[in-house]
Amino acid sequence: MSRQHGWFMAPLAWAALCAGCTFVQMEPGAAQVQVIPLGQSMAGCRMLGEVETSITARVGPYQRNRLSVRDELETLARNEAVGLHADSVQPLAEPDGGQQRWRAYRCGNGAR
């Protein structure tokens, strides 16, 4: 393998390795935020706002692992919920191209 060829392959190898990596860290307090499934009734909860989460779903020509992307979007929503003093978040739709909208709620002691 020529030296020039090695320089070309290194970024591709890195991108392939990181396709499943997680880059988003959970903020303090976010672990206590409940994630309510899409479409489940939020009766008894007060909506505090909406947030849009966004991450990189593609690294160069490689699509990142869908589960990793979904997990990171959820973590970002939980992080945002802490700032809104919400104890629950619910997606408004499935992730789309590394983006997802959520509603943040306060459900009280009985957070689902």
PDB file of N, CA and C in Angstrom:
ATOM      1  N   MET A   1       0.856  -1.164   0.000  1.00  0.00           N
ATOM      2  CA  MET A   1       0.000   0.000   0.000  1.00  0.00           C
ATOM      3  C   MET A   1       0.906   1.232   0.000  1.00  0.00           C
ATOM      4  N   SER A   2       0.620   2.160  -0.880  1.00  0.00           N
ATOM      5  CA  SER A   2       1.431   3.371  -0.944  1.00  0.00           C
ATOM      6  C   SER A   2       1.088   4.281   0.221  1.00  0.00           C
ATOM      7  N   ARG A   3       2.004   5.174   0.489  1.00  0.00           N
ATOM      8  CA  ARG A   3       1.794   6.115   1.587  1.00  0.00           C
ATOM      9  C   ARG A   3       0.563   6.987   1.316  1.00  0.00           C
ATOM     10  N   GLN A   4       0.415   7.407   0.078  1.00  0.00           N
ATOM     11  CA  GLN A   4      -0.724   8.244  -0.300  1.00  0.00           C
ATOM     12  C   GLN A   4      -2.046   7.488  -0.085  1.00  0.00           C
ATOM     13  N   HIS A   5      -2.061   6.226  -0.424  1.00  0.00           N
ATOM     14  CA  HIS A   5      -3.259   5.402  -0.248  1.00  0.00           C
ATOM     15  C   HIS A   5      -3.631   5.280   1.226  1.00  0.00           C
ATOM     16  N   GLY A   6      -2.623   5.182   2.114  1.00  0.00           N
ATOM     17  CA  GLY A   6      -2.858   5.092   3.552  1.00  0.00           C
ATOM     18  C   GLY A   6      -3.534   6.336   4.105  1.00  0.00           C
ATOM     19  N   TRP A   7      -3.158   7.507   3.605  1.00  0.00           N
ATOM     20  CA  TRP A   7      -3.784   8.760   4.054  1.00  0.00           C
ATOM     21  C   TRP A   7      -5.254   8.808   3.663  1.00  0.00           C
ATOM     22  N   PHE A   8      -5.583   8.217   2.535  1.00  0.00           N
ATOM     23  CA  PHE A   8      -6.968   8.198   2.079  1.00  0.00           C
ATOM     24  C   PHE A   8      -7.803   7.235   2.924  1.00  0.00           C
ATOM     25  N   MET A   9      -7.226   6.113   3.295  1.00  0.00           N
ATOM     26  CA  MET A   9      -7.968   5.086   4.028  1.00  0.00           C
ATOM     27  C   MET A   9      -8.194   5.434   5.497  1.00  0.00           C
ATOM     28  N   ALA A  10      -7.302   6.199   6.115  1.00  0.00           N
ATOM     29  CA  ALA A  10      -7.425   6.515   7.540  1.00  0.00           C
ATOM     30  C   ALA A  10      -8.741   7.211   7.879  1.00  0.00           C
ATOM     31  N   PRO A  11      -9.140   8.281   7.154  1.00  0.00           N
ATOM     32  CA  PRO A  11     -10.427   8.913   7.484  1.00  0.00           C
ATOM     33  C   PRO A  11     -11.614   7.983   7.268  1.00  0.00           C
ATOM     34  N   LEU A  12     -11.536   7.129   6.248  1.00  0.00           N
ATOM     35  CA  LEU A  12     -12.630   6.191   6.005  1.00  0.00           C
ATOM     36  C   LEU A  12     -12.749   5.173   7.129  1.00  0.00           C
ATOM     37  N   ALA A  13     -11.610   4.698   7.612  1.00  0.00           N
ATOM     38  CA  ALA A  13     -11.624   3.749   8.730  1.00  0.00           C
ATOM     39  C   ALA A  13     -12.184   4.409   9.978  1.00  0.00           C
ATOM     40  N   TRP A  14     -11.783   5.653  10.244  1.00  0.00           N
ATOM     41  CA  TRP A  14     -12.296   6.381  11.412  1.00  0.00           C
ATOM     42  C   TRP A  14     -13.805   6.557  11.307  1.00  0.00           C
ATOM     43  N   ALA A  15     -14.286   6.944  10.131  1.00  0.00           N
ATOM     44  CA  ALA A  15     -15.727   7.148   9.939  1.00  0.00           C
ATOM     45  C   ALA A  15     -16.486   5.840  10.155  1.00  0.00           C
ATOM     46  N   ALA A  16     -15.952   4.740   9.658  1.00  0.00           N
ATOM     47  CA  ALA A  16     -16.621   3.452   9.833  1.00  0.00           C
ATOM     48  C   ALA A  16     -16.663   3.044  11.303  1.00  0.00           C
ATOM     49  N   LEU A  17     -15.579   3.281  12.029  1.00  0.00           N
ATOM     50  CA  LEU A  17     -15.544   2.954  13.452  1.00  0.00           C
ATOM     51  C   LEU A  17     -16.522   3.802  14.253  1.00  0.00           C
ATOM     52  N   CYS A  18     -16.633   5.065  13.909  1.00  0.00           N
ATOM     53  CA  CYS A  18     -17.482   5.979  14.674  1.00  0.00           C
ATOM     54  C   CYS A  18     -18.936   5.973  14.229  1.00  0.00           C
ATOM     55  N   ALA A  19     -19.272   5.193  13.234  1.00  0.00           N
ATOM     56  CA  ALA A  19     -20.653   5.156  12.760  1.00  0.00           C
ATOM     57  C   ALA A  19     -21.614   4.762  13.874  1.00  0.00           C
ATOM     58  N   GLY A  20     -21.167   3.994  14.851  1.00  0.00           N
ATOM     59  CA  GLY A  20     -22.012   3.587  15.964  1.00  0.00           C
ATOM     60  C   GLY A  20     -21.670   4.281  17.267  1.00  0.00           C
ATOM     61  N   CYS A  21     -20.747   5.236  17.225  1.00  0.00           N
ATOM     62  CA  CYS A  21     -20.307   5.924  18.446  1.00  0.00           C
ATOM     63  C   CYS A  21     -21.406   6.824  19.014  1.00  0.00           C
ATOM     64  N   THR A  22     -21.336   7.058  20.304  1.00  0.00           N
ATOM     65  CA  THR A  22     -22.228   7.994  20.970  1.00  0.00           C
ATOM     66  C   THR A  22     -21.418   9.206  21.376  1.00  0.00           C
ATOM     67  N   PHE A  23     -21.884  10.375  20.953  1.00  0.00           N
ATOM     68  CA  PHE A  23     -21.156  11.604  21.209  1.00  0.00           C
ATOM     69  C   PHE A  23     -21.840  12.509  22.219  1.00  0.00           C
ATOM     70  N   VAL A  24     -23.083  12.241  22.575  1.00  0.00           N
ATOM     71  CA  VAL A  24     -23.867  13.109  23.454  1.00  0.00           C
ATOM     72  C   VAL A  24     -23.825  12.574  24.880  1.00  0.00           C
ATOM     73  N   GLN A  25     -23.480  13.440  25.812  1.00  0.00           N
ATOM     74  CA  GLN A  25     -23.427  13.061  27.228  1.00  0.00           C
ATOM     75  C   GLN A  25     -24.685  13.563  27.944  1.00  0.00           C
ATOM     76  N   MET A  26     -25.183  12.774  28.881  1.00  0.00           N
ATOM     77  CA  MET A  26     -26.347  13.165  29.657  1.00  0.00           C
ATOM     78  C   MET A  26     -25.934  14.186  30.712  1.00  0.00           C
ATOM     79  N   GLU A  27     -26.696  15.268  30.799  1.00  0.00           N
ATOM     80  CA  GLU A  27     -26.447  16.339  31.766  1.00  0.00           C
ATOM     81  C   GLU A  27     -26.985  15.932  33.143  1.00  0.00           C
ATOM     82  N   PRO A  28     -26.484  16.564  34.215  1.00  0.00           N
ATOM     83  CA  PRO A  28     -27.003  16.273  35.551  1.00  0.00           C
ATOM     84  C   PRO A  28     -28.528  16.502  35.615  1.00  0.00           C
ATOM     85  N   GLY A  29     -29.222  15.545  36.168  1.00  0.00           N
ATOM     86  CA  GLY A  29     -30.675  15.632  36.313  1.00  0.00           C
ATOM     87  C   GLY A  29     -31.442  15.023  35.156  1.00  0.00           C
ATOM     88  N   ALA A  30     -30.813  14.845  34.019  1.00  0.00           N
ATOM     89  CA  ALA A  30     -31.519  14.333  32.842  1.00  0.00           C
ATOM     90  C   ALA A  30     -31.896  12.860  32.977  1.00  0.00           C
ATOM     91  N   ALA A  31     -31.169  12.116  33.781  1.00  0.00           N
ATOM     92  CA  ALA A  31     -31.470  10.695  33.957  1.00  0.00           C
ATOM     93  C   ALA A  31     -32.837  10.487  34.619  1.00  0.00           C
ATOM     94  N   GLN A  32     -33.313  11.495  35.366  1.00  0.00           N
ATOM     95  CA  GLN A  32     -34.610  11.375  36.029  1.00  0.00           C
ATOM     96  C   GLN A  32     -35.776  11.741  35.107  1.00  0.00           C
ATOM     97  N   VAL A  33     -35.494  12.283  33.926  1.00  0.00           N
ATOM     98  CA  VAL A  33     -36.551  12.653  32.980  1.00  0.00           C
ATOM     99  C   VAL A  33     -37.051  11.391  32.289  1.00  0.00           C
ATOM    100  N   GLN A  34     -38.354  11.164  32.360  1.00  0.00           N
ATOM    101  CA  GLN A  34     -38.974   9.991  31.754  1.00  0.00           C
ATOM    102  C   GLN A  34     -39.206  10.238  30.265  1.00  0.00           C
ATOM    103  N   VAL A  35     -39.040   9.202  29.457  1.00  0.00           N
ATOM    104  CA  VAL A  35     -39.333   9.283  28.028  1.00  0.00           C
ATOM    105  C   VAL A  35     -40.636   8.520  27.795  1.00  0.00           C
ATOM    106  N   ILE A  36     -41.644   9.255  27.358  1.00  0.00           N
ATOM    107  CA  ILE A  36     -42.973   8.683  27.136  1.00  0.00           C
ATOM    108  C   ILE A  36     -43.091   8.306  25.660  1.00  0.00           C
ATOM    109  N   PRO A  37     -43.567   7.103  25.347  1.00  0.00           N
ATOM    110  CA  PRO A  37     -43.663   6.676  23.948  1.00  0.00           C
ATOM    111  C   PRO A  37     -44.552   7.587  23.107  1.00  0.00           C
ATOM    112  N   LEU A  38     -44.206   7.690  21.843  1.00  0.00           N
ATOM    113  CA  LEU A  38     -44.969   8.445  20.850  1.00  0.00           C
ATOM    114  C   LEU A  38     -46.424   7.986  20.864  1.00  0.00           C
ATOM    115  N   GLY A  39     -47.332   8.944  20.953  1.00  0.00           N
ATOM    116  CA  GLY A  39     -48.758   8.640  20.883  1.00  0.00           C
ATOM    117  C   GLY A  39     -49.428   8.307  22.201  1.00  0.00           C
ATOM    118  N   GLN A  40     -48.685   8.080  23.273  1.00  0.00           N
ATOM    119  CA  GLN A  40     -49.296   7.765  24.566  1.00  0.00           C
ATOM    120  C   GLN A  40     -49.956   9.020  25.138  1.00  0.00           C
ATOM    121  N   SER A  41     -51.096   8.857  25.764  1.00  0.00           N
ATOM    122  CA  SER A  41     -51.819   9.982  26.356  1.00  0.00           C
ATOM    123  C   SER A  41     -50.989  10.654  27.444  1.00  0.00           C
ATOM    124  N   MET A  42     -51.039  11.975  27.442  1.00  0.00           N
ATOM    125  CA  MET A  42     -50.331  12.752  28.462  1.00  0.00           C
ATOM    126  C   MET A  42     -51.340  13.449  29.380  1.00  0.00           C
ATOM    127  N   ALA A  43     -52.537  12.884  29.492  1.00  0.00           N
ATOM    128  CA  ALA A  43     -53.565  13.438  30.373  1.00  0.00           C
ATOM    129  C   ALA A  43     -53.012  13.491  31.790  1.00  0.00           C
ATOM    130  N   GLY A  44     -53.272  14.576  32.466  1.00  0.00           N
ATOM    131  CA  GLY A  44     -52.791  14.737  33.830  1.00  0.00           C
ATOM    132  C   GLY A  44     -51.417  15.387  33.897  1.00  0.00           C
ATOM    133  N   CYS A  45     -50.813  15.649  32.746  1.00  0.00           N
ATOM    134  CA  CYS A  45     -49.511  16.314  32.698  1.00  0.00           C
ATOM    135  C   CYS A  45     -49.680  17.711  32.101  1.00  0.00           C
ATOM    136  N   ARG A  46     -48.806  18.613  32.499  1.00  0.00           N
ATOM    137  CA  ARG A  46     -48.832  19.979  31.967  1.00  0.00           C
ATOM    138  C   ARG A  46     -47.695  20.156  30.958  1.00  0.00           C
ATOM    139  N   MET A  47     -48.042  20.560  29.737  1.00  0.00           N
ATOM    140  CA  MET A  47     -47.019  20.781  28.733  1.00  0.00           C
ATOM    141  C   MET A  47     -46.266  22.069  29.055  1.00  0.00           C
ATOM    142  N   LEU A  48     -44.936  21.981  29.041  1.00  0.00           N
ATOM    143  CA  LEU A  48     -44.103  23.141  29.355  1.00  0.00           C
ATOM    144  C   LEU A  48     -43.432  23.735  28.132  1.00  0.00           C
ATOM    145  N   GLY A  49     -43.421  23.011  27.034  1.00  0.00           N
ATOM    146  CA  GLY A  49     -42.805  23.540  25.824  1.00  0.00           C
ATOM    147  C   GLY A  49     -42.426  22.448  24.853  1.00  0.00           C
ATOM    148  N   GLU A  50     -41.902  22.890  23.709  1.00  0.00           N
ATOM    149  CA  GLU A  50     -41.420  21.971  22.684  1.00  0.00           C
ATOM    150  C   GLU A  50     -39.936  22.226  22.454  1.00  0.00           C
ATOM    151  N   VAL A  51     -39.228  21.164  22.133  1.00  0.00           N
ATOM    152  CA  VAL A  51     -37.808  21.285  21.804  1.00  0.00           C
ATOM    153  C   VAL A  51     -37.547  20.507  20.521  1.00  0.00           C
ATOM    154  N   GLU A  52     -36.556  20.972  19.791  1.00  0.00           N
ATOM    155  CA  GLU A  52     -36.111  20.237  18.610  1.00  0.00           C
ATOM    156  C   GLU A  52     -34.676  19.799  18.853  1.00  0.00           C
ATOM    157  N   THR A  53     -34.435  18.512  18.670  1.00  0.00           N
ATOM    158  CA  THR A  53     -33.090  17.991  18.842  1.00  0.00           C
ATOM    159  C   THR A  53     -32.515  17.660  17.475  1.00  0.00           C
ATOM    160  N   SER A  54     -31.208  17.797  17.374  1.00  0.00           N
ATOM    161  CA  SER A  54     -30.556  17.581  16.096  1.00  0.00           C
ATOM    162  C   SER A  54     -29.128  17.085  16.326  1.00  0.00           C
ATOM    163  N   ILE A  55     -28.736  16.062  15.596  1.00  0.00           N
ATOM    164  CA  ILE A  55     -27.372  15.527  15.664  1.00  0.00           C
ATOM    165  C   ILE A  55     -26.947  15.114  14.258  1.00  0.00           C
ATOM    166  N   THR A  56     -25.682  14.785  14.130  1.00  0.00           N
ATOM    167  CA  THR A  56     -25.150  14.323  12.856  1.00  0.00           C
ATOM    168  C   THR A  56     -25.540  12.867  12.656  1.00  0.00           C
ATOM    169  N   ALA A  57     -26.302  12.603  11.604  1.00  0.00           N
ATOM    170  CA  ALA A  57     -26.737  11.243  11.316  1.00  0.00           C
ATOM    171  C   ALA A  57     -25.848  10.589  10.266  1.00  0.00           C
ATOM    172  N   ARG A  58     -24.955  11.378   9.685  1.00  0.00           N
ATOM    173  CA  ARG A  58     -24.096  10.887   8.615  1.00  0.00           C
ATOM    174  C   ARG A  58     -22.672  11.373   8.863  1.00  0.00           C
ATOM    175  N   VAL A  59     -21.697  10.482   8.737  1.00  0.00           N
ATOM    176  CA  VAL A  59     -20.286  10.827   8.862  1.00  0.00           C
ATOM    177  C   VAL A  59     -19.674  10.569   7.494  1.00  0.00           C
ATOM    178  N   GLY A  60     -19.424  11.637   6.750  1.00  0.00           N
ATOM    179  CA  GLY A  60     -18.939  11.473   5.382  1.00  0.00           C
ATOM    180  C   GLY A  60     -19.969  10.692   4.582  1.00  0.00           C
ATOM    181  N   PRO A  61     -19.535   9.672   3.858  1.00  0.00           N
ATOM    182  CA  PRO A  61     -20.489   8.896   3.063  1.00  0.00           C
ATOM    183  C   PRO A  61     -21.216   7.811   3.874  1.00  0.00           C
ATOM    184  N   TYR A  62     -20.921   7.720   5.171  1.00  0.00           N
ATOM    185  CA  TYR A  62     -21.480   6.645   5.997  1.00  0.00           C
ATOM    186  C   TYR A  62     -22.649   7.122   6.838  1.00  0.00           C
ATOM    187  N   GLN A  63     -23.735   6.352   6.800  1.00  0.00           N
ATOM    188  CA  GLN A  63     -24.894   6.599   7.655  1.00  0.00           C
ATOM    189  C   GLN A  63     -24.579   6.037   9.029  1.00  0.00           C
ATOM    190  N   ARG A  64     -24.794   6.821  10.087  1.00  0.00           N
ATOM    191  CA  ARG A  64     -24.555   6.333  11.445  1.00  0.00           C
ATOM    192  C   ARG A  64     -25.628   5.316  11.828  1.00  0.00           C
ATOM    193  N   ASN A  65     -25.317   4.506  12.807  1.00  0.00           N
ATOM    194  CA  ASN A  65     -26.233   3.500  13.329  1.00  0.00           C
ATOM    195  C   ASN A  65     -27.523   4.181  13.789  1.00  0.00           C
ATOM    196  N   ARG A  66     -28.673   3.700  13.310  1.00  0.00           N
ATOM    197  CA  ARG A  66     -29.962   4.329  13.627  1.00  0.00           C
ATOM    198  C   ARG A  66     -30.266   4.332  15.115  1.00  0.00           C
ATOM    199  N   LEU A  67     -29.898   3.266  15.807  1.00  0.00           N
ATOM    200  CA  LEU A  67     -30.147   3.191  17.247  1.00  0.00           C
ATOM    201  C   LEU A  67     -29.319   4.227  17.994  1.00  0.00           C
ATOM    202  N   SER A  68     -28.063   4.413  17.592  1.00  0.00           N
ATOM    203  CA  SER A  68     -27.211   5.434  18.216  1.00  0.00           C
ATOM    204  C   SER A  68     -27.790   6.825  17.994  1.00  0.00           C
ATOM    205  N   VAL A  69     -28.251   7.091  16.775  1.00  0.00           N
ATOM    206  CA  VAL A  69     -28.846   8.396  16.460  1.00  0.00           C
ATOM    207  C   VAL A  69     -30.088   8.612  17.323  1.00  0.00           C
ATOM    208  N   ARG A  70     -30.938   7.605  17.408  1.00  0.00           N
ATOM    209  CA  ARG A  70     -32.169   7.709  18.219  1.00  0.00           C
ATOM    210  C   ARG A  70     -31.838   7.949  19.696  1.00  0.00           C
ATOM    211  N   ASP A  71     -30.864   7.213  20.222  1.00  0.00           N
ATOM    212  CA  ASP A  71     -30.461   7.380  21.624  1.00  0.00           C
ATOM    213  C   ASP A  71     -29.925   8.783  21.895  1.00  0.00           C
ATOM    214  N   GLU A  72     -29.130   9.313  20.974  1.00  0.00           N
ATOM    215  CA  GLU A  72     -28.575  10.654  21.163  1.00  0.00           C
ATOM    216  C   GLU A  72     -29.655  11.727  21.098  1.00  0.00           C
ATOM    217  N   LEU A  73     -30.613  11.575  20.198  1.00  0.00           N
ATOM    218  CA  LEU A  73     -31.721  12.530  20.131  1.00  0.00           C
ATOM    219  C   LEU A  73     -32.529  12.506  21.431  1.00  0.00           C
ATOM    220  N   GLU A  74     -32.737  11.319  21.976  1.00  0.00           N
ATOM    221  CA  GLU A  74     -33.451  11.179  23.249  1.00  0.00           C
ATOM    222  C   GLU A  74     -32.666  11.826  24.385  1.00  0.00           C
ATOM    223  N   THR A  75     -31.369  11.608  24.421  1.00  0.00           N
ATOM    224  CA  THR A  75     -30.537  12.210  25.466  1.00  0.00           C
ATOM    225  C   THR A  75     -30.573  13.729  25.377  1.00  0.00           C
ATOM    226  N   LEU A  76     -30.498  14.271  24.166  1.00  0.00           N
ATOM    227  CA  LEU A  76     -30.585  15.727  23.996  1.00  0.00           C
ATOM    228  C   LEU A  76     -31.929  16.254  24.489  1.00  0.00           C
ATOM    229  N   ALA A  77     -33.020  15.537  24.197  1.00  0.00           N
ATOM    230  CA  ALA A  77     -34.345  15.963  24.657  1.00  0.00           C
ATOM    231  C   ALA A  77     -34.422  15.944  26.177  1.00  0.00           C
ATOM    232  N   ARG A  78     -33.873  14.924  26.789  1.00  0.00           N
ATOM    233  CA  ARG A  78     -33.864  14.846  28.259  1.00  0.00           C
ATOM    234  C   ARG A  78     -33.019  15.973  28.850  1.00  0.00           C
ATOM    235  N   ASN A  79     -31.889  16.284  28.221  1.00  0.00           N
ATOM    236  CA  ASN A  79     -31.055  17.396  28.681  1.00  0.00           C
ATOM    237  C   ASN A  79     -31.826  18.714  28.610  1.00  0.00           C
ATOM    238  N   GLU A  80     -32.543  18.938  27.518  1.00  0.00           N
ATOM    239  CA  GLU A  80     -33.332  20.170  27.354  1.00  0.00           C
ATOM    240  C   GLU A  80     -34.468  20.237  28.373  1.00  0.00           C
ATOM    241  N   ALA A  81     -35.055  19.094  28.691  1.00  0.00           N
ATOM    242  CA  ALA A  81     -36.165  19.053  29.641  1.00  0.00           C
ATOM    243  C   ALA A  81     -35.745  19.575  31.006  1.00  0.00           C
ATOM    244  N   VAL A  82     -34.529  19.302  31.408  1.00  0.00           N
ATOM    245  CA  VAL A  82     -34.040  19.764  32.710  1.00  0.00           C
ATOM    246  C   VAL A  82     -34.121  21.288  32.784  1.00  0.00           C
ATOM    247  N   GLY A  83     -33.724  21.973  31.716  1.00  0.00           N
ATOM    248  CA  GLY A  83     -33.778  23.436  31.683  1.00  0.00           C
ATOM    249  C   GLY A  83     -35.189  23.992  31.712  1.00  0.00           C
ATOM    250  N   LEU A  84     -36.150  23.191  31.273  1.00  0.00           N
ATOM    251  CA  LEU A  84     -37.560  23.609  31.290  1.00  0.00           C
ATOM    252  C   LEU A  84     -38.263  23.193  32.579  1.00  0.00           C
ATOM    253  N   HIS A  85     -37.555  22.521  33.474  1.00  0.00           N
ATOM    254  CA  HIS A  85     -38.102  21.974  34.721  1.00  0.00           C
ATOM    255  C   HIS A  85     -39.181  20.938  34.433  1.00  0.00           C
ATOM    256  N   ALA A  86     -38.993  20.190  33.357  1.00  0.00           N
ATOM    257  CA  ALA A  86     -39.919  19.126  32.979  1.00  0.00           C
ATOM    258  C   ALA A  86     -39.413  17.803  33.545  1.00  0.00           C
ATOM    259  N   ASP A  87     -40.356  16.889  33.800  1.00  0.00           N
ATOM    260  CA  ASP A  87     -39.954  15.574  34.286  1.00  0.00           C
ATOM    261  C   ASP A  87     -40.214  14.473  33.265  1.00  0.00           C
ATOM    262  N   SER A  88     -40.771  14.864  32.094  1.00  0.00           N
ATOM    263  CA  SER A  88     -41.086  13.889  31.055  1.00  0.00           C
ATOM    264  C   SER A  88     -40.953  14.545  29.679  1.00  0.00           C
ATOM    265  N   VAL A  89     -40.565  13.742  28.696  1.00  0.00           N
ATOM    266  CA  VAL A  89     -40.548  14.191  27.305  1.00  0.00           C
ATOM    267  C   VAL A  89     -41.236  13.142  26.452  1.00  0.00           C
ATOM    268  N   GLN A  90     -41.817  13.609  25.347  1.00  0.00           N
ATOM    269  CA  GLN A  90     -42.487  12.699  24.423  1.00  0.00           C
ATOM    270  C   GLN A  90     -42.186  13.159  22.997  1.00  0.00           C
ATOM    271  N   PRO A  91     -41.742  12.223  22.130  1.00  0.00           N
ATOM    272  CA  PRO A  91     -41.486  12.611  20.745  1.00  0.00           C
ATOM    273  C   PRO A  91     -42.795  12.927  20.030  1.00  0.00           C
ATOM    274  N   LEU A  92     -42.743  13.878  19.102  1.00  0.00           N
ATOM    275  CA  LEU A  92     -43.918  14.211  18.287  1.00  0.00           C
ATOM    276  C   LEU A  92     -43.957  13.377  17.018  1.00  0.00           C
ATOM    277  N   ALA A  93     -42.806  12.844  16.620  1.00  0.00           N
ATOM    278  CA  ALA A  93     -42.704  12.004  15.424  1.00  0.00           C
ATOM    279  C   ALA A  93     -41.417  11.195  15.531  1.00  0.00           C
ATOM    280  N   GLU A  94     -41.246  10.274  14.622  1.00  0.00           N
ATOM    281  CA  GLU A  94     -40.015   9.491  14.549  1.00  0.00           C
ATOM    282  C   GLU A  94     -38.864  10.394  14.106  1.00  0.00           C
ATOM    283  N   PRO A  95     -37.620  10.042  14.428  1.00  0.00           N
ATOM    284  CA  PRO A  95     -36.467  10.823  13.963  1.00  0.00           C
ATOM    285  C   PRO A  95     -36.444  10.894  12.438  1.00  0.00           C
ATOM    286  N   ASP A  96     -35.981  12.024  11.921  1.00  0.00           N
ATOM    287  CA  ASP A  96     -35.901  12.221  10.475  1.00  0.00           C
ATOM    288  C   ASP A  96     -34.593  12.927  10.140  1.00  0.00           C
ATOM    289  N   GLY A  97     -33.652  12.194   9.568  1.00  0.00           N
ATOM    290  CA  GLY A  97     -32.393  12.792   9.150  1.00  0.00           C
ATOM    291  C   GLY A  97     -31.592  13.417  10.273  1.00  0.00           C
ATOM    292  N   GLY A  98     -31.643  12.828  11.472  1.00  0.00           N
ATOM    293  CA  GLY A  98     -30.887  13.356  12.596  1.00  0.00           C
ATOM    294  C   GLY A  98     -31.599  14.464  13.347  1.00  0.00           C
ATOM    295  N   GLN A  99     -32.888  14.658  13.088  1.00  0.00           N
ATOM    296  CA  GLN A  99     -33.670  15.667  13.797  1.00  0.00           C
ATOM    297  C   GLN A  99     -34.938  15.032  14.363  1.00  0.00           C
ATOM    298  N   GLN A 100     -35.407  15.618  15.475  1.00  0.00           N
ATOM    299  CA  GLN A 100     -36.648  15.129  16.084  1.00  0.00           C
ATOM    300  C   GLN A 100     -37.220  16.215  16.980  1.00  0.00           C
ATOM    301  N   ARG A 101     -38.542  16.371  16.941  1.00  0.00           N
ATOM    302  CA  ARG A 101     -39.233  17.328  17.811  1.00  0.00           C
ATOM    303  C   ARG A 101     -39.857  16.577  18.980  1.00  0.00           C
ATOM    304  N   TRP A 102     -39.864  17.251  20.137  1.00  0.00           N
ATOM    305  CA  TRP A 102     -40.357  16.674  21.385  1.00  0.00           C
ATOM    306  C   TRP A 102     -41.214  17.684  22.119  1.00  0.00           C
ATOM    307  N   ARG A 103     -42.101  17.192  22.965  1.00  0.00           N
ATOM    308  CA  ARG A 103     -42.807  18.030  23.932  1.00  0.00           C
ATOM    309  C   ARG A 103     -42.278  17.678  25.312  1.00  0.00           C
ATOM    310  N   ALA A 104     -42.144  18.712  26.135  1.00  0.00           N
ATOM    311  CA  ALA A 104     -41.679  18.536  27.509  1.00  0.00           C
ATOM    312  C   ALA A 104     -42.853  18.761  28.446  1.00  0.00           C
ATOM    313  N   TYR A 105     -43.004  17.893  29.438  1.00  0.00           N
ATOM    314  CA  TYR A 105     -44.137  17.927  30.357  1.00  0.00           C
ATOM    315  C   TYR A 105     -43.683  17.878  31.807  1.00  0.00           C
ATOM    316  N   ARG A 106     -44.566  18.387  32.678  1.00  0.00           N
ATOM    317  CA  ARG A 106     -44.434  18.179  34.117  1.00  0.00           C
ATOM    318  C   ARG A 106     -45.619  17.301  34.498  1.00  0.00           C
ATOM    319  N   CYS A 107     -45.302  16.093  34.951  1.00  0.00           N
ATOM    320  CA  CYS A 107     -46.352  15.133  35.321  1.00  0.00           C
ATOM    321  C   CYS A 107     -46.426  14.946  36.834  1.00  0.00           C
ATOM    322  N   GLY A 108     -45.530  15.549  37.579  1.00  0.00           N
ATOM    323  CA  GLY A 108     -45.573  15.438  39.029  1.00  0.00           C
ATOM    324  C   GLY A 108     -44.928  14.169  39.536  1.00  0.00           C
ATOM    325  N   ASN A 109     -45.300  13.763  40.729  1.00  0.00           N
ATOM    326  CA  ASN A 109     -44.691  12.596  41.381  1.00  0.00           C
ATOM    327  C   ASN A 109     -44.881  11.312  40.594  1.00  0.00           C
ATOM    328  N   GLY A 110     -46.011  11.196  39.928  1.00  0.00           N
ATOM    329  CA  GLY A 110     -46.307   9.967  39.202  1.00  0.00           C
ATOM    330  C   GLY A 110     -45.797   9.979  37.779  1.00  0.00           C
ATOM    331  N   ALA A 111     -44.624  10.582  37.542  1.00  0.00           N
ATOM    332  CA  ALA A 111     -44.090  10.590  36.184  1.00  0.00           C
ATOM    333  C   ALA A 111     -44.038   9.159  35.685  1.00  0.00           C
ATOM    334  N   ARG A 112     -44.585   8.979  34.548  1.00  0.00           N
ATOM    335  CA  ARG A 112     -44.797   7.637  34.009  1.00  0.00           C
ATOM    336  C   ARG A 112     -43.533   6.891  34.000  1.00  0.00           C
TER     337      ARG A 112
END
